[in-house]
Amino acid sequence: WVSVEPSSPFVAKGDASATLAYQLVRIDTGETIFQRTIRTTIK
């Protein structure tokens, strides 16, 4: 988990955003085969 916005509960209209960081790791070797930080927004 990275963040979620807006931080104020008094913002009644606008964009809301969430940011999470992801990593996909091979179980047998521990190698990281995918890594992204994704920030998404919705009205």
ModelCIF file with pLDDT and N, C-alpha, C, O atoms, coordinates in Angstrom:
data_MODEL
#
_entry.id   MODEL 
#
_entity.id                         1 
_entity.type                       polymer 
_entity.pdbx_number_of_molecules   1 
#
_entity_poly.entity_id                      1 
_entity_poly.type                           'polypeptide(L)' 
_entity_poly.nstd_linkage                   no 
_entity_poly.nstd_monomer                   no 
_entity_poly.pdbx_seq_one_letter_code       WVSVEPSSPFVAKGDASATLAYQLVRIDTGETIFQRTIRTTIK 
_entity_poly.pdbx_seq_one_letter_code_can   WVSVEPSSPFVAKGDASATLAYQLVRIDTGETIFQRTIRTTIK 
_entity_poly.pdbx_strand_id                 A 
#
loop_
_entity_poly_seq.entity_id 
_entity_poly_seq.num 
_entity_poly_seq.mon_id 
_entity_poly_seq.hetero 
1 1  TRP n 
1 2  VAL n 
1 3  SER n 
1 4  VAL n 
1 5  GLU n 
1 6  PRO n 
1 7  SER n 
1 8  SER n 
1 9  PRO n 
1 10 PHE n 
1 11 VAL n 
1 12 ALA n 
1 13 LYS n 
1 14 GLY n 
1 15 ASP n 
1 16 ALA n 
1 17 SER n 
1 18 ALA n 
1 19 THR n 
1 20 LEU n 
1 21 ALA n 
1 22 TYR n 
1 23 GLN n 
1 24 LEU n 
1 25 VAL n 
1 26 ARG n 
1 27 ILE n 
1 28 ASP n 
1 29 THR n 
1 30 GLY n 
1 31 GLU n 
1 32 THR n 
1 33 ILE n 
1 34 PHE n 
1 35 GLN n 
1 36 ARG n 
1 37 THR n 
1 38 ILE n 
1 39 ARG n 
1 40 THR n 
1 41 THR n 
1 42 ILE n 
1 43 LYS n 
#
_struct_asym.id          A 
_struct_asym.entity_id   1 
#
loop_
_ma_qa_metric.id 
_ma_qa_metric.mode 
_ma_qa_metric.name 
_ma_qa_metric.software_group_id 
_ma_qa_metric.type 
1 global pLDDT . pLDDT 
2 local  pLDDT . pLDDT 
#
_ma_qa_metric_global.metric_id      1 
_ma_qa_metric_global.metric_value   87.86 
_ma_qa_metric_global.model_id       1 
_ma_qa_metric_global.ordinal_id     1 
#
loop_
_ma_qa_metric_local.label_asym_id 
_ma_qa_metric_local.label_comp_id 
_ma_qa_metric_local.label_seq_id 
_ma_qa_metric_local.metric_id 
_ma_qa_metric_local.metric_value 
_ma_qa_metric_local.model_id 
_ma_qa_metric_local.ordinal_id 
A TRP 1  2 97.00 1 1  
A VAL 2  2 97.00 1 2  
A SER 3  2 94.00 1 3  
A VAL 4  2 92.00 1 4  
A GLU 5  2 89.00 1 5  
A PRO 6  2 79.00 1 6  
A SER 7  2 53.00 1 7  
A SER 8  2 55.00 1 8  
A PRO 9  2 54.00 1 9  
A PHE 10 2 55.00 1 10 
A VAL 11 2 53.00 1 11 
A ALA 12 2 53.00 1 12 
A LYS 13 2 58.00 1 13 
A GLY 14 2 73.00 1 14 
A ASP 15 2 86.00 1 15 
A ALA 16 2 90.00 1 16 
A SER 17 2 94.00 1 17 
A ALA 18 2 96.00 1 18 
A THR 19 2 97.00 1 19 
A LEU 20 2 98.00 1 20 
A ALA 21 2 98.00 1 21 
A TYR 22 2 98.00 1 22 
A GLN 23 2 97.00 1 23 
A LEU 24 2 97.00 1 24 
A VAL 25 2 97.00 1 25 
A ARG 26 2 97.00 1 26 
A ILE 27 2 97.00 1 27 
A ASP 28 2 96.00 1 28 
A THR 29 2 96.00 1 29 
A GLY 30 2 96.00 1 30 
A GLU 31 2 97.00 1 31 
A THR 32 2 96.00 1 32 
A ILE 33 2 95.00 1 33 
A PHE 34 2 96.00 1 34 
A GLN 35 2 96.00 1 35 
A ARG 36 2 97.00 1 36 
A THR 37 2 98.00 1 37 
A ILE 38 2 98.00 1 38 
A ARG 39 2 98.00 1 39 
A THR 40 2 97.00 1 40 
A THR 41 2 95.00 1 41 
A ILE 42 2 93.00 1 42 
A LYS 43 2 90.00 1 43 
#
loop_
_atom_site.group_PDB 
_atom_site.id 
_atom_site.type_symbol 
_atom_site.label_atom_id 
_atom_site.label_alt_id 
_atom_site.label_comp_id 
_atom_site.label_asym_id 
_atom_site.label_entity_id 
_atom_site.label_seq_id 
_atom_site.pdbx_PDB_ins_code 
_atom_site.Cartn_x 
_atom_site.Cartn_y 
_atom_site.Cartn_z 
_atom_site.occupancy 
_atom_site.B_iso_or_equiv 
_atom_site.pdbx_formal_charge 
_atom_site.auth_seq_id 
_atom_site.auth_comp_id 
_atom_site.auth_asym_id 
_atom_site.auth_atom_id 
_atom_site.pdbx_PDB_model_num 
ATOM 1   N N  . TRP A 1 1  ? 0.845   -1.186  0.000   1.00 97.00 ? 1  TRP A N  1 
ATOM 2   C CA . TRP A 1 1  ? 0.000   0.000   0.000   1.00 97.00 ? 1  TRP A CA 1 
ATOM 3   C C  . TRP A 1 1  ? 0.881   1.237   0.000   1.00 97.00 ? 1  TRP A C  1 
ATOM 4   O O  . TRP A 1 1  ? 1.821   1.323   0.790   1.00 97.00 ? 1  TRP A O  1 
ATOM 5   N N  . VAL A 1 2  ? 0.592   2.209   -0.881  1.00 97.00 ? 2  VAL A N  1 
ATOM 6   C CA . VAL A 1 2  ? 1.365   3.446   -0.925  1.00 97.00 ? 2  VAL A CA 1 
ATOM 7   C C  . VAL A 1 2  ? 0.534   4.613   -0.409  1.00 97.00 ? 2  VAL A C  1 
ATOM 8   O O  . VAL A 1 2  ? 0.939   5.285   0.539   1.00 97.00 ? 2  VAL A O  1 
ATOM 9   N N  . SER A 1 3  ? -0.633  4.867   -1.024  1.00 94.00 ? 3  SER A N  1 
ATOM 10  C CA . SER A 1 3  ? -1.445  5.997   -0.583  1.00 94.00 ? 3  SER A CA 1 
ATOM 11  C C  . SER A 1 3  ? -2.840  5.917   -1.177  1.00 94.00 ? 3  SER A C  1 
ATOM 12  O O  . SER A 1 3  ? -3.103  5.160   -2.111  1.00 94.00 ? 3  SER A O  1 
ATOM 13  N N  . VAL A 1 4  ? -3.727  6.726   -0.602  1.00 92.00 ? 4  VAL A N  1 
ATOM 14  C CA . VAL A 1 4  ? -5.068  6.916   -1.149  1.00 92.00 ? 4  VAL A CA 1 
ATOM 15  C C  . VAL A 1 4  ? -5.412  8.387   -0.974  1.00 92.00 ? 4  VAL A C  1 
ATOM 16  O O  . VAL A 1 4  ? -5.060  8.993   0.038   1.00 92.00 ? 4  VAL A O  1 
ATOM 17  N N  . GLU A 1 5  ? -6.093  8.958   -1.946  1.00 89.00 ? 5  GLU A N  1 
ATOM 18  C CA . GLU A 1 5  ? -6.455  10.377  -1.914  1.00 89.00 ? 5  GLU A CA 1 
ATOM 19  C C  . GLU A 1 5  ? -7.907  10.522  -2.369  1.00 89.00 ? 5  GLU A C  1 
ATOM 20  O O  . GLU A 1 5  ? -8.396  9.649   -3.086  1.00 89.00 ? 5  GLU A O  1 
ATOM 21  N N  . PRO A 1 6  ? -8.616  11.580  -1.986  1.00 79.00 ? 6  PRO A N  1 
ATOM 22  C CA . PRO A 1 6  ? -8.147  12.703  -1.173  1.00 79.00 ? 6  PRO A CA 1 
ATOM 23  C C  . PRO A 1 6  ? -8.003  12.315  0.291   1.00 79.00 ? 6  PRO A C  1 
ATOM 24  O O  . PRO A 1 6  ? -8.607  11.348  0.755   1.00 79.00 ? 6  PRO A O  1 
ATOM 25  N N  . SER A 1 7  ? -7.205  13.073  1.001   1.00 53.00 ? 7  SER A N  1 
ATOM 26  C CA . SER A 1 7  ? -6.970  12.775  2.403   1.00 53.00 ? 7  SER A CA 1 
ATOM 27  C C  . SER A 1 7  ? -8.055  13.354  3.303   1.00 53.00 ? 7  SER A C  1 
ATOM 28  O O  . SER A 1 7  ? -8.221  12.910  4.439   1.00 53.00 ? 7  SER A O  1 
ATOM 29  N N  . SER A 1 8  ? -8.788  14.337  2.806   1.00 55.00 ? 8  SER A N  1 
ATOM 30  C CA . SER A 1 8  ? -9.825  14.975  3.618   1.00 55.00 ? 8  SER A CA 1 
ATOM 31  C C  . SER A 1 8  ? -11.182 14.321  3.385   1.00 55.00 ? 8  SER A C  1 
ATOM 32  O O  . SER A 1 8  ? -11.554 14.081  2.237   1.00 55.00 ? 8  SER A O  1 
ATOM 33  N N  . PRO A 1 9  ? -11.939 14.024  4.460   1.00 54.00 ? 9  PRO A N  1 
ATOM 34  C CA . PRO A 1 9  ? -13.282 13.452  4.300   1.00 54.00 ? 9  PRO A CA 1 
ATOM 35  C C  . PRO A 1 9  ? -14.312 14.489  3.896   1.00 54.00 ? 9  PRO A C  1 
ATOM 36  O O  . PRO A 1 9  ? -15.483 14.148  3.725   1.00 54.00 ? 9  PRO A O  1 
ATOM 37  N N  . PHE A 1 10 ? -13.917 15.744  3.738   1.00 55.00 ? 10 PHE A N  1 
ATOM 38  C CA . PHE A 1 10 ? -14.859 16.804  3.421   1.00 55.00 ? 10 PHE A CA 1 
ATOM 39  C C  . PHE A 1 10 ? -14.844 17.190  1.949   1.00 55.00 ? 10 PHE A C  1 
ATOM 40  O O  . PHE A 1 10 ? -15.518 18.135  1.538   1.00 55.00 ? 10 PHE A O  1 
ATOM 41  N N  . VAL A 1 11 ? -14.064 16.445  1.155   1.00 53.00 ? 11 VAL A N  1 
ATOM 42  C CA . VAL A 1 11 ? -14.052 16.665  -0.290  1.00 53.00 ? 11 VAL A CA 1 
ATOM 43  C C  . VAL A 1 11 ? -15.166 15.831  -0.887  1.00 53.00 ? 11 VAL A C  1 
ATOM 44  O O  . VAL A 1 11 ? -15.053 14.607  -0.953  1.00 53.00 ? 11 VAL A O  1 
ATOM 45  N N  . ALA A 1 12 ? -16.231 16.464  -1.318  1.00 53.00 ? 12 ALA A N  1 
ATOM 46  C CA . ALA A 1 12 ? -17.417 15.738  -1.741  1.00 53.00 ? 12 ALA A CA 1 
ATOM 47  C C  . ALA A 1 12 ? -17.446 15.443  -3.234  1.00 53.00 ? 12 ALA A C  1 
ATOM 48  O O  . ALA A 1 12 ? -18.252 14.630  -3.688  1.00 53.00 ? 12 ALA A O  1 
ATOM 49  N N  . LYS A 1 13 ? -16.584 16.088  -3.995  1.00 58.00 ? 13 LYS A N  1 
ATOM 50  C CA . LYS A 1 13 ? -16.644 15.897  -5.444  1.00 58.00 ? 13 LYS A CA 1 
ATOM 51  C C  . LYS A 1 13 ? -15.244 16.033  -6.018  1.00 58.00 ? 13 LYS A C  1 
ATOM 52  O O  . LYS A 1 13 ? -14.439 16.823  -5.525  1.00 58.00 ? 13 LYS A O  1 
ATOM 53  N N  . GLY A 1 14 ? -14.954 15.261  -7.064  1.00 73.00 ? 14 GLY A N  1 
ATOM 54  C CA . GLY A 1 14 ? -13.660 15.351  -7.713  1.00 73.00 ? 14 GLY A CA 1 
ATOM 55  C C  . GLY A 1 14 ? -13.085 13.978  -7.969  1.00 73.00 ? 14 GLY A C  1 
ATOM 56  O O  . GLY A 1 14 ? -13.824 12.997  -8.051  1.00 73.00 ? 14 GLY A O  1 
ATOM 57  N N  . ASP A 1 15 ? -11.775 13.898  -8.097  1.00 86.00 ? 15 ASP A N  1 
ATOM 58  C CA . ASP A 1 15 ? -11.105 12.629  -8.357  1.00 86.00 ? 15 ASP A CA 1 
ATOM 59  C C  . ASP A 1 15 ? -10.689 11.970  -7.047  1.00 86.00 ? 15 ASP A C  1 
ATOM 60  O O  . ASP A 1 15 ? -10.317 12.642  -6.085  1.00 86.00 ? 15 ASP A O  1 
ATOM 61  N N  . ALA A 1 16 ? -10.759 10.649  -7.029  1.00 90.00 ? 16 ALA A N  1 
ATOM 62  C CA . ALA A 1 16 ? -10.186 9.859   -5.942  1.00 90.00 ? 16 ALA A CA 1 
ATOM 63  C C  . ALA A 1 16 ? -9.103  8.986   -6.551  1.00 90.00 ? 16 ALA A C  1 
ATOM 64  O O  . ALA A 1 16 ? -9.270  8.463   -7.653  1.00 90.00 ? 16 ALA A O  1 
ATOM 65  N N  . SER A 1 17 ? -7.993  8.825   -5.840  1.00 94.00 ? 17 SER A N  1 
ATOM 66  C CA . SER A 1 17 ? -6.855  8.076   -6.372  1.00 94.00 ? 17 SER A CA 1 
ATOM 67  C C  . SER A 1 17 ? -6.348  7.067   -5.350  1.00 94.00 ? 17 SER A C  1 
ATOM 68  O O  . SER A 1 17 ? -6.454  7.271   -4.141  1.00 94.00 ? 17 SER A O  1 
ATOM 69  N N  . ALA A 1 18 ? -5.798  5.982   -5.861  1.00 96.00 ? 18 ALA A N  1 
ATOM 70  C CA . ALA A 1 18 ? -5.151  4.974   -5.025  1.00 96.00 ? 18 ALA A CA 1 
ATOM 71  C C  . ALA A 1 18 ? -3.853  4.562   -5.687  1.00 96.00 ? 18 ALA A C  1 
ATOM 72  O O  . ALA A 1 18 ? -3.789  4.410   -6.907  1.00 96.00 ? 18 ALA A O  1 
ATOM 73  N N  . THR A 1 19 ? -2.812  4.381   -4.878  1.00 97.00 ? 19 THR A N  1 
ATOM 74  C CA . THR A 1 19 ? -1.503  3.964   -5.382  1.00 97.00 ? 19 THR A CA 1 
ATOM 75  C C  . THR A 1 19 ? -1.037  2.742   -4.610  1.00 97.00 ? 19 THR A C  1 
ATOM 76  O O  . THR A 1 19 ? -0.986  2.760   -3.380  1.00 97.00 ? 19 THR A O  1 
ATOM 77  N N  . LEU A 1 20 ? -0.695  1.670   -5.340  1.00 98.00 ? 20 LEU A N  1 
ATOM 78  C CA . LEU A 1 20 ? -0.126  0.468   -4.749  1.00 98.00 ? 20 LEU A CA 1 
ATOM 79  C C  . LEU A 1 20 ? 1.080   0.038   -5.568  1.00 98.00 ? 20 LEU A C  1 
ATOM 80  O O  . LEU A 1 20 ? 1.137   0.263   -6.777  1.00 98.00 ? 20 LEU A O  1 
ATOM 81  N N  . ALA A 1 21 ? 2.039   -0.580  -4.900  1.00 98.00 ? 21 ALA A N  1 
ATOM 82  C CA . ALA A 1 21 ? 3.233   -1.104  -5.566  1.00 98.00 ? 21 ALA A CA 1 
ATOM 83  C C  . ALA A 1 21 ? 3.149   -2.625  -5.581  1.00 98.00 ? 21 ALA A C  1 
ATOM 84  O O  . ALA A 1 21 ? 2.784   -3.240  -4.578  1.00 98.00 ? 21 ALA A O  1 
ATOM 85  N N  . TYR A 1 22 ? 3.485   -3.232  -6.716  1.00 98.00 ? 22 TYR A N  1 
ATOM 86  C CA . TYR A 1 22 ? 3.340   -4.678  -6.892  1.00 98.00 ? 22 TYR A CA 1 
ATOM 87  C C  . TYR A 1 22 ? 4.647   -5.295  -7.371  1.00 98.00 ? 22 TYR A C  1 
ATOM 88  O O  . TYR A 1 22 ? 5.433   -4.685  -8.096  1.00 98.00 ? 22 TYR A O  1 
ATOM 89  N N  . GLN A 1 23 ? 4.839   -6.534  -6.929  1.00 97.00 ? 23 GLN A N  1 
ATOM 90  C CA . GLN A 1 23 ? 6.013   -7.301  -7.332  1.00 97.00 ? 23 GLN A CA 1 
ATOM 91  C C  . GLN A 1 23 ? 5.573   -8.747  -7.515  1.00 97.00 ? 23 GLN A C  1 
ATOM 92  O O  . GLN A 1 23 ? 4.872   -9.296  -6.665  1.00 97.00 ? 23 GLN A O  1 
ATOM 93  N N  . LEU A 1 24 ? 5.978   -9.364  -8.613  1.00 97.00 ? 24 LEU A N  1 
ATOM 94  C CA . LEU A 1 24 ? 5.684   -10.772 -8.862  1.00 97.00 ? 24 LEU A CA 1 
ATOM 95  C C  . LEU A 1 24 ? 6.996   -11.543 -8.803  1.00 97.00 ? 24 LEU A C  1 
ATOM 96  O O  . LEU A 1 24 ? 7.942   -11.236 -9.529  1.00 97.00 ? 24 LEU A O  1 
ATOM 97  N N  . VAL A 1 25 ? 7.042   -12.542 -7.938  1.00 97.00 ? 25 VAL A N  1 
ATOM 98  C CA . VAL A 1 25 ? 8.288   -13.250 -7.642  1.00 97.00 ? 25 VAL A CA 1 
ATOM 99  C C  . VAL A 1 25 ? 8.126   -14.741 -7.924  1.00 97.00 ? 25 VAL A C  1 
ATOM 100 O O  . VAL A 1 25 ? 7.119   -15.344 -7.552  1.00 97.00 ? 25 VAL A O  1 
ATOM 101 N N  . ARG A 1 26 ? 9.104   -15.322 -8.571  1.00 97.00 ? 26 ARG A N  1 
ATOM 102 C CA . ARG A 1 26 ? 9.107   -16.776 -8.777  1.00 97.00 ? 26 ARG A CA 1 
ATOM 103 C C  . ARG A 1 26 ? 9.304   -17.482 -7.442  1.00 97.00 ? 26 ARG A C  1 
ATOM 104 O O  . ARG A 1 26 ? 10.211  -17.145 -6.681  1.00 97.00 ? 26 ARG A O  1 
ATOM 105 N N  . ILE A 1 27 ? 8.456   -18.455 -7.166  1.00 97.00 ? 27 ILE A N  1 
ATOM 106 C CA . ILE A 1 27 ? 8.540   -19.161 -5.890  1.00 97.00 ? 27 ILE A CA 1 
ATOM 107 C C  . ILE A 1 27 ? 9.798   -20.018 -5.805  1.00 97.00 ? 27 ILE A C  1 
ATOM 108 O O  . ILE A 1 27 ? 10.394  -20.130 -4.734  1.00 97.00 ? 27 ILE A O  1 
ATOM 109 N N  . ASP A 1 28 ? 10.203  -20.614 -6.903  1.00 96.00 ? 28 ASP A N  1 
ATOM 110 C CA . ASP A 1 28 ? 11.339  -21.542 -6.851  1.00 96.00 ? 28 ASP A CA 1 
ATOM 111 C C  . ASP A 1 28 ? 12.693  -20.840 -6.713  1.00 96.00 ? 28 ASP A C  1 
ATOM 112 O O  . ASP A 1 28 ? 13.607  -21.374 -6.084  1.00 96.00 ? 28 ASP A O  1 
ATOM 113 N N  . THR A 1 29 ? 12.822  -19.660 -7.292  1.00 96.00 ? 29 THR A N  1 
ATOM 114 C CA . THR A 1 29 ? 14.119  -18.982 -7.283  1.00 96.00 ? 29 THR A CA 1 
ATOM 115 C C  . THR A 1 29 ? 14.135  -17.664 -6.512  1.00 96.00 ? 29 THR A C  1 
ATOM 116 O O  . THR A 1 29 ? 15.207  -17.169 -6.165  1.00 96.00 ? 29 THR A O  1 
ATOM 117 N N  . GLY A 1 30 ? 12.965  -17.090 -6.239  1.00 96.00 ? 30 GLY A N  1 
ATOM 118 C CA . GLY A 1 30 ? 12.900  -15.787 -5.590  1.00 96.00 ? 30 GLY A CA 1 
ATOM 119 C C  . GLY A 1 30 ? 13.149  -14.628 -6.535  1.00 96.00 ? 30 GLY A C  1 
ATOM 120 O O  . GLY A 1 30 ? 13.242  -13.480 -6.101  1.00 96.00 ? 30 GLY A O  1 
ATOM 121 N N  . GLU A 1 31 ? 13.257  -14.918 -7.820  1.00 97.00 ? 31 GLU A N  1 
ATOM 122 C CA . GLU A 1 31 ? 13.528  -13.876 -8.818  1.00 97.00 ? 31 GLU A CA 1 
ATOM 123 C C  . GLU A 1 31 ? 12.295  -13.006 -9.033  1.00 97.00 ? 31 GLU A C  1 
ATOM 124 O O  . GLU A 1 31 ? 11.182  -13.514 -9.167  1.00 97.00 ? 31 GLU A O  1 
ATOM 125 N N  . THR A 1 32 ? 12.503  -11.689 -9.064  1.00 96.00 ? 32 THR A N  1 
ATOM 126 C CA . THR A 1 32 ? 11.425  -10.757 -9.390  1.00 96.00 ? 32 THR A CA 1 
ATOM 127 C C  . THR A 1 32 ? 11.259  -10.704 -10.900 1.00 96.00 ? 32 THR A C  1 
ATOM 128 O O  . THR A 1 32 ? 12.198  -10.364 -11.619 1.00 96.00 ? 32 THR A O  1 
ATOM 129 N N  . ILE A 1 33 ? 10.065  -11.040 -11.384 1.00 95.00 ? 33 ILE A N  1 
ATOM 130 C CA . ILE A 1 33 ? 9.827   -11.066 -12.822 1.00 95.00 ? 33 ILE A CA 1 
ATOM 131 C C  . ILE A 1 33 ? 8.865   -9.967  -13.283 1.00 95.00 ? 33 ILE A C  1 
ATOM 132 O O  . ILE A 1 33 ? 8.663   -9.774  -14.482 1.00 95.00 ? 33 ILE A O  1 
ATOM 133 N N  . PHE A 1 34 ? 8.275   -9.249  -12.322 1.00 96.00 ? 34 PHE A N  1 
ATOM 134 C CA . PHE A 1 34 ? 7.367   -8.151  -12.667 1.00 96.00 ? 34 PHE A CA 1 
ATOM 135 C C  . PHE A 1 34 ? 7.357   -7.178  -11.502 1.00 96.00 ? 34 PHE A C  1 
ATOM 136 O O  . PHE A 1 34 ? 7.296   -7.582  -10.341 1.00 96.00 ? 34 PHE A O  1 
ATOM 137 N N  . GLN A 1 35 ? 7.418   -5.879  -11.826 1.00 96.00 ? 35 GLN A N  1 
ATOM 138 C CA . GLN A 1 35 ? 7.390   -4.876  -10.770 1.00 96.00 ? 35 GLN A CA 1 
ATOM 139 C C  . GLN A 1 35 ? 6.800   -3.587  -11.321 1.00 96.00 ? 35 GLN A C  1 
ATOM 140 O O  . GLN A 1 35 ? 7.271   -3.056  -12.327 1.00 96.00 ? 35 GLN A O  1 
ATOM 141 N N  . ARG A 1 36 ? 5.766   -3.090  -10.655 1.00 97.00 ? 36 ARG A N  1 
ATOM 142 C CA . ARG A 1 36 ? 5.125   -1.853  -11.077 1.00 97.00 ? 36 ARG A CA 1 
ATOM 143 C C  . ARG A 1 36 ? 4.553   -1.130  -9.861  1.00 97.00 ? 36 ARG A C  1 
ATOM 144 O O  . ARG A 1 36 ? 4.110   -1.765  -8.904  1.00 97.00 ? 36 ARG A O  1 
ATOM 145 N N  . THR A 1 37 ? 4.565   0.192   -9.906  1.00 98.00 ? 37 THR A N  1 
ATOM 146 C CA . THR A 1 37 ? 3.770   1.008   -8.994  1.00 98.00 ? 37 THR A CA 1 
ATOM 147 C C  . THR A 1 37 ? 2.639   1.598   -9.823  1.00 98.00 ? 37 THR A C  1 
ATOM 148 O O  . THR A 1 37 ? 2.876   2.253   -10.839 1.00 98.00 ? 37 THR A O  1 
ATOM 149 N N  . ILE A 1 38 ? 1.415   1.363   -9.384  1.00 98.00 ? 38 ILE A N  1 
ATOM 150 C CA . ILE A 1 38 ? 0.243   1.749   -10.173 1.00 98.00 ? 38 ILE A CA 1 
ATOM 151 C C  . ILE A 1 38 ? -0.575  2.782   -9.401  1.00 98.00 ? 38 ILE A C  1 
ATOM 152 O O  . ILE A 1 38 ? -0.948  2.559   -8.250  1.00 98.00 ? 38 ILE A O  1 
ATOM 153 N N  . ARG A 1 39 ? -0.845  3.900   -10.040 1.00 98.00 ? 39 ARG A N  1 
ATOM 154 C CA . ARG A 1 39 ? -1.715  4.940   -9.468  1.00 98.00 ? 39 ARG A CA 1 
ATOM 155 C C  . ARG A 1 39 ? -2.952  5.050   -10.343 1.00 98.00 ? 39 ARG A C  1 
ATOM 156 O O  . ARG A 1 39 ? -2.857  5.351   -11.532 1.00 98.00 ? 39 ARG A O  1 
ATOM 157 N N  . THR A 1 40 ? -4.108  4.805   -9.749  1.00 97.00 ? 40 THR A N  1 
ATOM 158 C CA . THR A 1 40 ? -5.356  4.837   -10.499 1.00 97.00 ? 40 THR A CA 1 
ATOM 159 C C  . THR A 1 40 ? -6.274  5.921   -9.948  1.00 97.00 ? 40 THR A C  1 
ATOM 160 O O  . THR A 1 40 ? -6.237  6.241   -8.760  1.00 97.00 ? 40 THR A O  1 
ATOM 161 N N  . THR A 1 41 ? -7.097  6.478   -10.829 1.00 95.00 ? 41 THR A N  1 
ATOM 162 C CA . THR A 1 41 ? -7.976  7.589   -10.478 1.00 95.00 ? 41 THR A CA 1 
ATOM 163 C C  . THR A 1 41 ? -9.375  7.321   -11.006 1.00 95.00 ? 41 THR A C  1 
ATOM 164 O O  . THR A 1 41 ? -9.556  6.722   -12.066 1.00 95.00 ? 41 THR A O  1 
ATOM 165 N N  . ILE A 1 42 ? -10.369 7.781   -10.234 1.00 93.00 ? 42 ILE A N  1 
ATOM 166 C CA . ILE A 1 42 ? -11.755 7.618   -10.649 1.00 93.00 ? 42 ILE A CA 1 
ATOM 167 C C  . ILE A 1 42 ? -12.522 8.886   -10.308 1.00 93.00 ? 42 ILE A C  1 
ATOM 168 O O  . ILE A 1 42 ? -12.204 9.549   -9.321  1.00 93.00 ? 42 ILE A O  1 
ATOM 169 N N  . LYS A 1 43 ? -13.522 9.236   -11.101 1.00 90.00 ? 43 LYS A N  1 
ATOM 170 C CA . LYS A 1 43 ? -14.382 10.369  -10.808 1.00 90.00 ? 43 LYS A CA 1 
ATOM 171 C C  . LYS A 1 43 ? -15.314 9.991   -9.668  1.00 90.00 ? 43 LYS A C  1 
ATOM 172 O O  . LYS A 1 43 ? -16.138 10.804  -9.248  1.00 90.00 ? 43 LYS A O  1 
#
